[in-house]
Structure formats: C-alpha cells, structure tokens
Amino acid sequence: MPGRRNSQHASAHNGVRTDTPVPSGEYDFMSGTLVDAATLNRAMGLARQWDVAPHDVLIANGWVRQNDYYRALAQDCGAEFVEVPTAGTLTPFSHVATPREALRSQILRRVRNGQVDVAYAPVAARPGELKRHLAVDVNRIAITTPLDLRSAIQRSFADRLMANAINSLTNRFPGESAGQGLVASQRYILAAIFAAICISVFLAPVFTLHVLAGIATLFFALVVALRLVACINAALGAYPNCPCCVWY
C-alpha cells in the first residue's frame, strides 16, 4: 500500500528506524507538546548513533527551539525558567575565573529580591540527571539556556575578552605584532637598504632613479593585476559582494 510504504521510508530515513515505540522516560514531557512521538523517537535514534543527547539533536536540527525546550524542561523539573528579558541580570559567580572556567561551570549568579540564587544552564545534562541536581534545593535554582549562559559571560568579561583579542598576538609573538616597534633585525635590514640606496644615488644617480621607478611600477602593476583577477572572479560569481569592481 502506498501510504504504508511512505511511512516505512520515512521511518528508515538517515539509516535510523523510527517505527519502534517511543520509550517512556525522561523525555516524555516533550512528546505531544513540543514534538510528536515520531520526531522524538527519530531524535533518540540519531542521538544513539551520534553519541549525543536527544535534545541536542532536536535543537541542532531545528525541530525544537532552544528556549522552548529549556522552558518545558524547567516546568517538568518544577524549577523557574529565566526568561530572555531578565537574562541580562545574570552574571558569573566569580569574576576572578577565566571565561572558559565560567562557561565550564554552567552556572550563573542572579540577585532577586535581595537574595542570591543560581541560574543553571544544563548544556549536556539529560532531564533525569538534571532532576537529581535540582533535588538539593529546587527553590533557589532556576534554569536558563546555554545561549544566555554565553551571553552573560561575554557581557561580564567583555573588557577582558577585548584585551585578550587585541594583546594576545603582542604577548605571544612580540616581533610579529604591528603594535610593537621594530625589532633589532628589522632595524638593521632597513638601515642596510637605506645605506645601499644612498651609496647608489651618490655613485650612479640616474641608474638608481630608473631602478626605483621600475620597482614602483612593478609594485603597482601587481596591485592592478590582483584587482583585475578579483573583478573577474566577482563577475563569474565567486565573490558577489566584492567592492573592487566599483574602484576599477
């Protein structure tokens, strides 16, 4: 029968059969609300194949929005969910720690009504594992999304991250950074070139001018040639947003 063949083909999509019943367990709170049983079962099959959590498959494939999943997860665990408008109040627990350590901790600090509580972003935790964590004090632990976790860390460590981005090359390879002055070897090379030009101008001024003019011409010819190549590639569709065709 055509309908049966189509259902069998869909259930065997991506090499994972989804015609087995959805196992009752920690992801049952999603079935029939955020996703249907077939989609949930397919995600579980892919999760076993890829060795990841089923909710990672659902979110990565766009079958469930990240906010919707973590809101439903918080409701199933009996915890509060930190809505996006209030996520700006989240900060890492320790500003002494590095951004990588704050991200690894998966917890944020939140001050509410004068009291400090915890916002937890369970990146890889399954619902059953999360419930065991929340059993300690569910009233002081709220759930937030990994995206809000990253946003809070980026916001709190913005100055440090910017300084690291700017100064990392200078600190690691001082001789290769434009922020540093010329190293000794570079100064020696420039001094030798300048001395050679001065001697050449003194001994053969006309010949020196011809050589310098030839070098300058060759340099600008190479620049024009590269621009022409870029324009040709843009015309062929390789670089549709290339601005070089406006300049030349």
C-alpha atoms as a PDB file:
ATOM      1  CA  MET A   1       0.000   0.000   0.000  1.00  0.00           C
ATOM      2  CA  PRO A   2       1.398   3.479  -0.896  1.00  0.00           C
ATOM      3  CA  GLY A   3       0.700   5.024   2.486  1.00  0.00           C
ATOM      4  CA  ARG A   4       2.408   2.181   4.308  1.00  0.00           C
ATOM      5  CA  ARG A   5       5.432   2.287   2.006  1.00  0.00           C
ATOM      6  CA  ASN A   6       5.813   6.049   2.563  1.00  0.00           C
ATOM      7  CA  SER A   7       5.658   5.640   6.329  1.00  0.00           C
ATOM      8  CA  GLN A   8       8.241   2.883   6.219  1.00  0.00           C
ATOM      9  CA  HIS A   9      10.513   5.033   4.050  1.00  0.00           C
ATOM     10  CA  ALA A  10      10.187   7.962   6.462  1.00  0.00           C
ATOM     11  CA  SER A  11      10.882   5.758   9.448  1.00  0.00           C
ATOM     12  CA  ALA A  12      14.093   4.477   7.865  1.00  0.00           C
ATOM     13  CA  HIS A  13      15.365   7.953   6.936  1.00  0.00           C
ATOM     14  CA  ASN A  14      19.067   8.618   7.643  1.00  0.00           C
ATOM     15  CA  GLY A  15      19.593   4.957   8.384  1.00  0.00           C
ATOM     16  CA  VAL A  16      17.704   5.130  11.695  1.00  0.00           C
ATOM     17  CA  ARG A  17      14.462   3.252  12.090  1.00  0.00           C
ATOM     18  CA  THR A  18      11.795   5.150  13.980  1.00  0.00           C
ATOM     19  CA  ASP A  19       8.954   2.644  13.792  1.00  0.00           C
ATOM     20  CA  THR A  20       9.653   1.381  17.318  1.00  0.00           C
ATOM     21  CA  PRO A  21       7.529   2.902  20.081  1.00  0.00           C
ATOM     22  CA  VAL A  22       8.886   5.888  21.977  1.00  0.00           C
ATOM     23  CA  PRO A  23      10.401   4.619  25.228  1.00  0.00           C
ATOM     24  CA  SER A  24       8.754   6.076  28.287  1.00  0.00           C
ATOM     25  CA  GLY A  25      11.264   8.026  30.299  1.00  0.00           C
ATOM     26  CA  GLU A  26      12.911  11.350  30.815  1.00  0.00           C
ATOM     27  CA  TYR A  27      11.857  12.945  27.511  1.00  0.00           C
ATOM     28  CA  ASP A  28       8.163  12.077  27.781  1.00  0.00           C
ATOM     29  CA  PHE A  29       7.349  15.672  28.765  1.00  0.00           C
ATOM     30  CA  MET A  30       8.141  16.738  25.185  1.00  0.00           C
ATOM     31  CA  SER A  31       6.073  14.140  23.375  1.00  0.00           C
ATOM     32  CA  GLY A  32       2.816  15.573  22.109  1.00  0.00           C
ATOM     33  CA  THR A  33       3.681  19.123  23.164  1.00  0.00           C
ATOM     34  CA  LEU A  34       6.909  20.308  21.587  1.00  0.00           C
ATOM     35  CA  VAL A  35       7.288  17.428  19.127  1.00  0.00           C
ATOM     36  CA  ASP A  36       5.287  14.438  18.039  1.00  0.00           C
ATOM     37  CA  ALA A  37       6.203  10.920  19.051  1.00  0.00           C
ATOM     38  CA  ALA A  38       7.737  10.047  15.676  1.00  0.00           C
ATOM     39  CA  THR A  39      10.082  13.055  15.697  1.00  0.00           C
ATOM     40  CA  LEU A  40      11.124  12.385  19.280  1.00  0.00           C
ATOM     41  CA  ASN A  41      11.807   8.752  18.542  1.00  0.00           C
ATOM     42  CA  ARG A  42      13.810   9.673  15.455  1.00  0.00           C
ATOM     43  CA  ALA A  43      15.888  12.126  17.536  1.00  0.00           C
ATOM     44  CA  MET A  44      16.582   9.383  20.074  1.00  0.00           C
ATOM     45  CA  GLY A  45      17.760   7.084  17.318  1.00  0.00           C
ATOM     46  CA  LEU A  46      20.076   9.746  15.918  1.00  0.00           C
ATOM     47  CA  ALA A  47      21.328  10.541  19.407  1.00  0.00           C
ATOM     48  CA  ARG A  48      22.354   6.904  19.907  1.00  0.00           C
ATOM     49  CA  GLN A  49      24.039   6.923  16.521  1.00  0.00           C
ATOM     50  CA  TRP A  50      25.910  10.208  17.101  1.00  0.00           C
ATOM     51  CA  ASP A  51      26.547   9.625  20.828  1.00  0.00           C
ATOM     52  CA  VAL A  52      24.853  12.864  21.927  1.00  0.00           C
ATOM     53  CA  ALA A  53      21.795  13.750  23.990  1.00  0.00           C
ATOM     54  CA  PRO A  54      18.413  13.609  22.207  1.00  0.00           C
ATOM     55  CA  HIS A  55      17.655  17.257  22.949  1.00  0.00           C
ATOM     56  CA  ASP A  56      20.906  18.236  21.217  1.00  0.00           C
ATOM     57  CA  VAL A  57      19.640  16.519  18.077  1.00  0.00           C
ATOM     58  CA  LEU A  58      16.256  18.247  18.315  1.00  0.00           C
ATOM     59  CA  ILE A  59      17.781  21.697  18.785  1.00  0.00           C
ATOM     60  CA  ALA A  60      20.568  21.282  16.232  1.00  0.00           C
ATOM     61  CA  ASN A  61      18.121  20.168  13.524  1.00  0.00           C
ATOM     62  CA  GLY A  62      15.700  22.988  14.286  1.00  0.00           C
ATOM     63  CA  TRP A  63      12.924  20.627  15.356  1.00  0.00           C
ATOM     64  CA  VAL A  64      12.659  22.365  18.733  1.00  0.00           C
ATOM     65  CA  ARG A  65      13.653  25.888  19.672  1.00  0.00           C
ATOM     66  CA  GLN A  66      16.222  26.109  22.436  1.00  0.00           C
ATOM     67  CA  ASN A  67      14.081  28.428  24.584  1.00  0.00           C
ATOM     68  CA  ASP A  68      11.034  26.177  24.225  1.00  0.00           C
ATOM     69  CA  TYR A  69      12.981  23.086  25.268  1.00  0.00           C
ATOM     70  CA  TYR A  70      14.528  24.611  28.371  1.00  0.00           C
ATOM     71  CA  ARG A  71      11.247  26.254  29.383  1.00  0.00           C
ATOM     72  CA  ALA A  72       9.466  22.900  29.167  1.00  0.00           C
ATOM     73  CA  LEU A  73      12.372  21.234  30.965  1.00  0.00           C
ATOM     74  CA  ALA A  74      12.194  23.723  33.833  1.00  0.00           C
ATOM     75  CA  GLN A  75       8.460  23.205  34.119  1.00  0.00           C
ATOM     76  CA  ASP A  76       8.904  19.434  34.194  1.00  0.00           C
ATOM     77  CA  CYS A  77      11.552  19.752  36.919  1.00  0.00           C
ATOM     78  CA  GLY A  78       9.476  22.169  38.963  1.00  0.00           C
ATOM     79  CA  ALA A  79      12.076  24.940  38.605  1.00  0.00           C
ATOM     80  CA  GLU A  80      11.805  28.515  37.426  1.00  0.00           C
ATOM     81  CA  PHE A  81      12.842  29.407  33.895  1.00  0.00           C
ATOM     82  CA  VAL A  82      14.800  32.627  33.343  1.00  0.00           C
ATOM     83  CA  GLU A  83      13.032  34.481  30.568  1.00  0.00           C
ATOM     84  CA  VAL A  84      15.036  36.317  27.927  1.00  0.00           C
ATOM     85  CA  PRO A  85      14.127  39.872  29.116  1.00  0.00           C
ATOM     86  CA  THR A  86      15.512  39.108  32.597  1.00  0.00           C
ATOM     87  CA  ALA A  87      18.571  37.206  31.367  1.00  0.00           C
ATOM     88  CA  GLY A  88      20.573  40.435  31.381  1.00  0.00           C
ATOM     89  CA  THR A  89      20.696  40.292  35.189  1.00  0.00           C
ATOM     90  CA  LEU A  90      22.749  37.083  35.132  1.00  0.00           C
ATOM     91  CA  THR A  91      26.454  37.274  35.942  1.00  0.00           C
ATOM     92  CA  PRO A  92      29.173  34.651  36.521  1.00  0.00           C
ATOM     93  CA  PHE A  93      29.720  33.676  40.136  1.00  0.00           C
ATOM     94  CA  SER A  94      33.387  34.613  40.074  1.00  0.00           C
ATOM     95  CA  HIS A  95      34.933  37.421  38.055  1.00  0.00           C
ATOM     96  CA  VAL A  96      38.352  36.111  39.027  1.00  0.00           C
ATOM     97  CA  ALA A  97      37.797  32.969  36.978  1.00  0.00           C
ATOM     98  CA  THR A  98      38.520  32.912  33.280  1.00  0.00           C
ATOM     99  CA  PRO A  99      35.659  32.977  30.751  1.00  0.00           C
ATOM    100  CA  ARG A 100      36.433  29.348  29.870  1.00  0.00           C
ATOM    101  CA  GLU A 101      36.097  28.302  33.536  1.00  0.00           C
ATOM    102  CA  ALA A 102      32.836  30.243  33.863  1.00  0.00           C
ATOM    103  CA  LEU A 103      31.487  28.533  30.765  1.00  0.00           C
ATOM    104  CA  ARG A 104      32.549  25.117  32.054  1.00  0.00           C
ATOM    105  CA  SER A 105      30.756  25.671  35.374  1.00  0.00           C
ATOM    106  CA  GLN A 106      27.391  26.139  33.567  1.00  0.00           C
ATOM    107  CA  ILE A 107      26.070  28.236  36.484  1.00  0.00           C
ATOM    108  CA  LEU A 108      25.345  31.938  36.780  1.00  0.00           C
ATOM    109  CA  ARG A 109      24.650  34.258  39.694  1.00  0.00           C
ATOM    110  CA  ARG A 110      21.318  36.032  39.914  1.00  0.00           C
ATOM    111  CA  VAL A 111      20.219  38.573  42.513  1.00  0.00           C
ATOM    112  CA  ARG A 112      16.463  38.569  43.023  1.00  0.00           C
ATOM    113  CA  ASN A 113      14.656  40.469  45.774  1.00  0.00           C
ATOM    114  CA  GLY A 114      17.938  40.965  47.591  1.00  0.00           C
ATOM    115  CA  GLN A 115      18.739  37.264  47.600  1.00  0.00           C
ATOM    116  CA  VAL A 116      21.332  35.458  45.540  1.00  0.00           C
ATOM    117  CA  ASP A 117      20.267  32.341  43.717  1.00  0.00           C
ATOM    118  CA  VAL A 118      21.628  30.199  40.924  1.00  0.00           C
ATOM    119  CA  ALA A 119      20.758  30.047  37.240  1.00  0.00           C
ATOM    120  CA  TYR A 120      21.868  26.760  35.764  1.00  0.00           C
ATOM    121  CA  ALA A 121      22.385  26.160  32.050  1.00  0.00           C
ATOM    122  CA  PRO A 122      22.432  22.366  31.650  1.00  0.00           C
ATOM    123  CA  VAL A 123      24.306  22.183  28.357  1.00  0.00           C
ATOM    124  CA  ALA A 124      24.642  18.391  28.124  1.00  0.00           C
ATOM    125  CA  ALA A 125      22.662  17.183  31.138  1.00  0.00           C
ATOM    126  CA  ARG A 126      19.736  14.893  30.459  1.00  0.00           C
ATOM    127  CA  PRO A 127      16.414  15.598  32.207  1.00  0.00           C
ATOM    128  CA  GLY A 128      16.877  12.752  34.694  1.00  0.00           C
ATOM    129  CA  GLU A 129      20.349  13.937  35.628  1.00  0.00           C
ATOM    130  CA  LEU A 130      19.085  17.497  35.977  1.00  0.00           C
ATOM    131  CA  LYS A 131      16.321  16.428  38.338  1.00  0.00           C
ATOM    132  CA  ARG A 132      18.887  14.781  40.589  1.00  0.00           C
ATOM    133  CA  HIS A 133      20.869  18.013  40.681  1.00  0.00           C
ATOM    134  CA  LEU A 134      17.778  20.085  41.425  1.00  0.00           C
ATOM    135  CA  ALA A 135      16.642  17.775  44.220  1.00  0.00           C
ATOM    136  CA  VAL A 136      19.057  19.576  46.575  1.00  0.00           C
ATOM    137  CA  ASP A 137      17.299  22.961  46.505  1.00  0.00           C
ATOM    138  CA  VAL A 138      14.972  23.448  43.582  1.00  0.00           C
ATOM    139  CA  ASN A 139      13.583  26.702  45.021  1.00  0.00           C
ATOM    140  CA  ARG A 140      16.900  28.534  44.630  1.00  0.00           C
ATOM    141  CA  ILE A 141      17.918  27.118  41.255  1.00  0.00           C
ATOM    142  CA  ALA A 142      16.489  28.459  38.013  1.00  0.00           C
ATOM    143  CA  ILE A 143      17.014  27.127  34.514  1.00  0.00           C
ATOM    144  CA  THR A 144      18.430  29.197  31.694  1.00  0.00           C
ATOM    145  CA  THR A 145      19.626  28.408  28.182  1.00  0.00           C
ATOM    146  CA  PRO A 146      23.230  27.828  27.052  1.00  0.00           C
ATOM    147  CA  LEU A 147      22.840  30.866  24.787  1.00  0.00           C
ATOM    148  CA  ASP A 148      22.045  33.063  27.795  1.00  0.00           C
ATOM    149  CA  LEU A 149      24.995  31.496  29.618  1.00  0.00           C
ATOM    150  CA  ARG A 150      27.348  32.527  26.830  1.00  0.00           C
ATOM    151  CA  SER A 151      25.783  35.980  26.543  1.00  0.00           C
ATOM    152  CA  ALA A 152      26.192  36.598  30.272  1.00  0.00           C
ATOM    153  CA  ILE A 153      29.837  35.516  30.162  1.00  0.00           C
ATOM    154  CA  GLN A 154      30.565  37.679  27.122  1.00  0.00           C
ATOM    155  CA  ARG A 155      28.856  40.654  28.765  1.00  0.00           C
ATOM    156  CA  SER A 156      30.647  40.233  32.099  1.00  0.00           C
ATOM    157  CA  PHE A 157      34.096  39.555  30.652  1.00  0.00           C
ATOM    158  CA  ALA A 158      33.790  41.975  27.716  1.00  0.00           C
ATOM    159  CA  ASP A 159      36.793  44.109  28.696  1.00  0.00           C
ATOM    160  CA  ARG A 160      38.976  41.079  29.354  1.00  0.00           C
ATOM    161  CA  LEU A 161      37.949  39.360  26.134  1.00  0.00           C
ATOM    162  CA  MET A 162      38.625  42.511  24.123  1.00  0.00           C
ATOM    163  CA  ALA A 163      42.024  42.985  25.761  1.00  0.00           C
ATOM    164  CA  ASN A 164      42.916  39.359  25.066  1.00  0.00           C
ATOM    165  CA  ALA A 165      41.864  39.688  21.430  1.00  0.00           C
ATOM    166  CA  ILE A 166      43.950  42.832  20.982  1.00  0.00           C
ATOM    167  CA  ASN A 167      47.025  41.928  23.009  1.00  0.00           C
ATOM    168  CA  SER A 168      47.269  38.172  22.544  1.00  0.00           C
ATOM    169  CA  LEU A 169      49.491  38.423  19.450  1.00  0.00           C
ATOM    170  CA  THR A 170      51.623  41.078  21.105  1.00  0.00           C
ATOM    171  CA  ASN A 171      52.121  38.929  24.188  1.00  0.00           C
ATOM    172  CA  ARG A 172      52.760  35.682  22.340  1.00  0.00           C
ATOM    173  CA  PHE A 173      54.788  36.935  19.335  1.00  0.00           C
ATOM    174  CA  PRO A 174      56.027  40.478  20.006  1.00  0.00           C
ATOM    175  CA  GLY A 175      58.114  40.558  16.842  1.00  0.00           C
ATOM    176  CA  GLU A 176      55.089  39.814  14.607  1.00  0.00           C
ATOM    177  CA  SER A 177      52.684  42.376  16.061  1.00  0.00           C
ATOM    178  CA  ALA A 178      52.123  45.777  14.477  1.00  0.00           C
ATOM    179  CA  GLY A 179      51.551  47.171  17.965  1.00  0.00           C
ATOM    180  CA  GLN A 180      55.221  46.818  18.797  1.00  0.00           C
ATOM    181  CA  GLY A 181      58.168  48.776  17.435  1.00  0.00           C
ATOM    182  CA  LEU A 182      60.700  47.360  15.052  1.00  0.00           C
ATOM    183  CA  VAL A 183      62.864  44.595  16.428  1.00  0.00           C
ATOM    184  CA  ALA A 184      66.646  44.819  16.092  1.00  0.00           C
ATOM    185  CA  SER A 185      66.869  42.629  12.988  1.00  0.00           C
ATOM    186  CA  GLN A 186      64.240  44.737  11.190  1.00  0.00           C
ATOM    187  CA  ARG A 187      66.078  47.945  12.061  1.00  0.00           C
ATOM    188  CA  TYR A 188      69.353  46.514  10.754  1.00  0.00           C
ATOM    189  CA  ILE A 189      67.745  45.445   7.455  1.00  0.00           C
ATOM    190  CA  LEU A 190      66.127  48.852   6.905  1.00  0.00           C
ATOM    191  CA  ALA A 191      69.375  50.624   7.758  1.00  0.00           C
ATOM    192  CA  ALA A 192      71.276  48.447   5.262  1.00  0.00           C
ATOM    193  CA  ILE A 193      68.726  49.133   2.495  1.00  0.00           C
ATOM    194  CA  PHE A 194      68.815  52.878   3.173  1.00  0.00           C
ATOM    195  CA  ALA A 195      72.623  52.888   3.158  1.00  0.00           C
ATOM    196  CA  ALA A 196      72.688  50.942  -0.131  1.00  0.00           C
ATOM    197  CA  ILE A 197      70.269  53.427  -1.751  1.00  0.00           C
ATOM    198  CA  CYS A 198      72.325  56.400  -0.543  1.00  0.00           C
ATOM    199  CA  ILE A 199      75.565  54.908  -1.896  1.00  0.00           C
ATOM    200  CA  SER A 200      73.884  54.054  -5.203  1.00  0.00           C
ATOM    201  CA  VAL A 201      72.478  57.575  -5.555  1.00  0.00           C
ATOM    202  CA  PHE A 202      75.933  59.022  -4.922  1.00  0.00           C
ATOM    203  CA  LEU A 203      77.715  56.732  -7.407  1.00  0.00           C
ATOM    204  CA  ALA A 204      75.038  56.398 -10.148  1.00  0.00           C
ATOM    205  CA  PRO A 205      72.058  58.710  -9.584  1.00  0.00           C
ATOM    206  CA  VAL A 206      70.360  58.192 -12.956  1.00  0.00           C
ATOM    207  CA  PHE A 207      70.609  54.423 -12.803  1.00  0.00           C
ATOM    208  CA  THR A 208      69.291  54.439  -9.216  1.00  0.00           C
ATOM    209  CA  LEU A 209      66.247  56.518 -10.184  1.00  0.00           C
ATOM    210  CA  HIS A 210      65.493  54.121 -13.045  1.00  0.00           C
ATOM    211  CA  VAL A 211      65.708  51.126 -10.704  1.00  0.00           C
ATOM    212  CA  LEU A 212      63.460  52.741  -8.076  1.00  0.00           C
ATOM    213  CA  ALA A 213      60.947  53.750 -10.766  1.00  0.00           C
ATOM    214  CA  GLY A 214      60.943  50.181 -12.110  1.00  0.00           C
ATOM    215  CA  ILE A 215      60.342  48.742  -8.633  1.00  0.00           C
ATOM    216  CA  ALA A 216      57.444  51.154  -8.006  1.00  0.00           C
ATOM    217  CA  THR A 217      55.933  50.342 -11.428  1.00  0.00           C
ATOM    218  CA  LEU A 218      56.193  46.620 -10.785  1.00  0.00           C
ATOM    219  CA  PHE A 219      54.519  47.023  -7.397  1.00  0.00           C
ATOM    220  CA  PHE A 220      51.540  48.973  -8.757  1.00  0.00           C
ATOM    221  CA  ALA A 221      51.267  46.596 -11.740  1.00  0.00           C
ATOM    222  CA  LEU A 222      50.928  43.675  -9.341  1.00  0.00           C
ATOM    223  CA  VAL A 223      48.238  45.544  -7.365  1.00  0.00           C
ATOM    224  CA  VAL A 224      46.263  46.285 -10.535  1.00  0.00           C
ATOM    225  CA  ALA A 225      46.630  42.677 -11.710  1.00  0.00           C
ATOM    226  CA  LEU A 226      45.286  41.339  -8.420  1.00  0.00           C
ATOM    227  CA  ARG A 227      42.334  43.737  -8.608  1.00  0.00           C
ATOM    228  CA  LEU A 228      41.565  42.597 -12.145  1.00  0.00           C
ATOM    229  CA  VAL A 229      41.640  38.956 -11.057  1.00  0.00           C
ATOM    230  CA  ALA A 230      39.263  39.777  -8.211  1.00  0.00           C
ATOM    231  CA  CYS A 231      36.918  41.579 -10.637  1.00  0.00           C
ATOM    232  CA  ILE A 232      36.913  38.595 -12.991  1.00  0.00           C
ATOM    233  CA  ASN A 233      36.089  36.236 -10.108  1.00  0.00           C
ATOM    234  CA  ALA A 234      33.315  38.590  -8.975  1.00  0.00           C
ATOM    235  CA  ALA A 235      31.878  38.656 -12.497  1.00  0.00           C
ATOM    236  CA  LEU A 236      31.902  34.851 -12.519  1.00  0.00           C
ATOM    237  CA  GLY A 237      30.042  34.790  -9.213  1.00  0.00           C
ATOM    238  CA  ALA A 238      32.894  33.725  -6.942  1.00  0.00           C
ATOM    239  CA  TYR A 239      32.774  36.964  -4.928  1.00  0.00           C
ATOM    240  CA  PRO A 240      29.329  38.533  -5.446  1.00  0.00           C
ATOM    241  CA  ASN A 241      29.902  41.291  -2.869  1.00  0.00           C
ATOM    242  CA  CYS A 242      33.423  42.235  -3.931  1.00  0.00           C
ATOM    243  CA  PRO A 243      33.805  46.055  -3.984  1.00  0.00           C
ATOM    244  CA  CYS A 244      36.830  46.059  -6.280  1.00  0.00           C
ATOM    245  CA  CYS A 245      34.680  46.448  -9.398  1.00  0.00           C
ATOM    246  CA  VAL A 246      33.480  49.780  -8.061  1.00  0.00           C
ATOM    247  CA  TRP A 247      37.046  51.021  -7.671  1.00  0.00           C
ATOM    248  CA  TYR A 248      38.271  49.898 -11.070  1.00  0.00           C
END
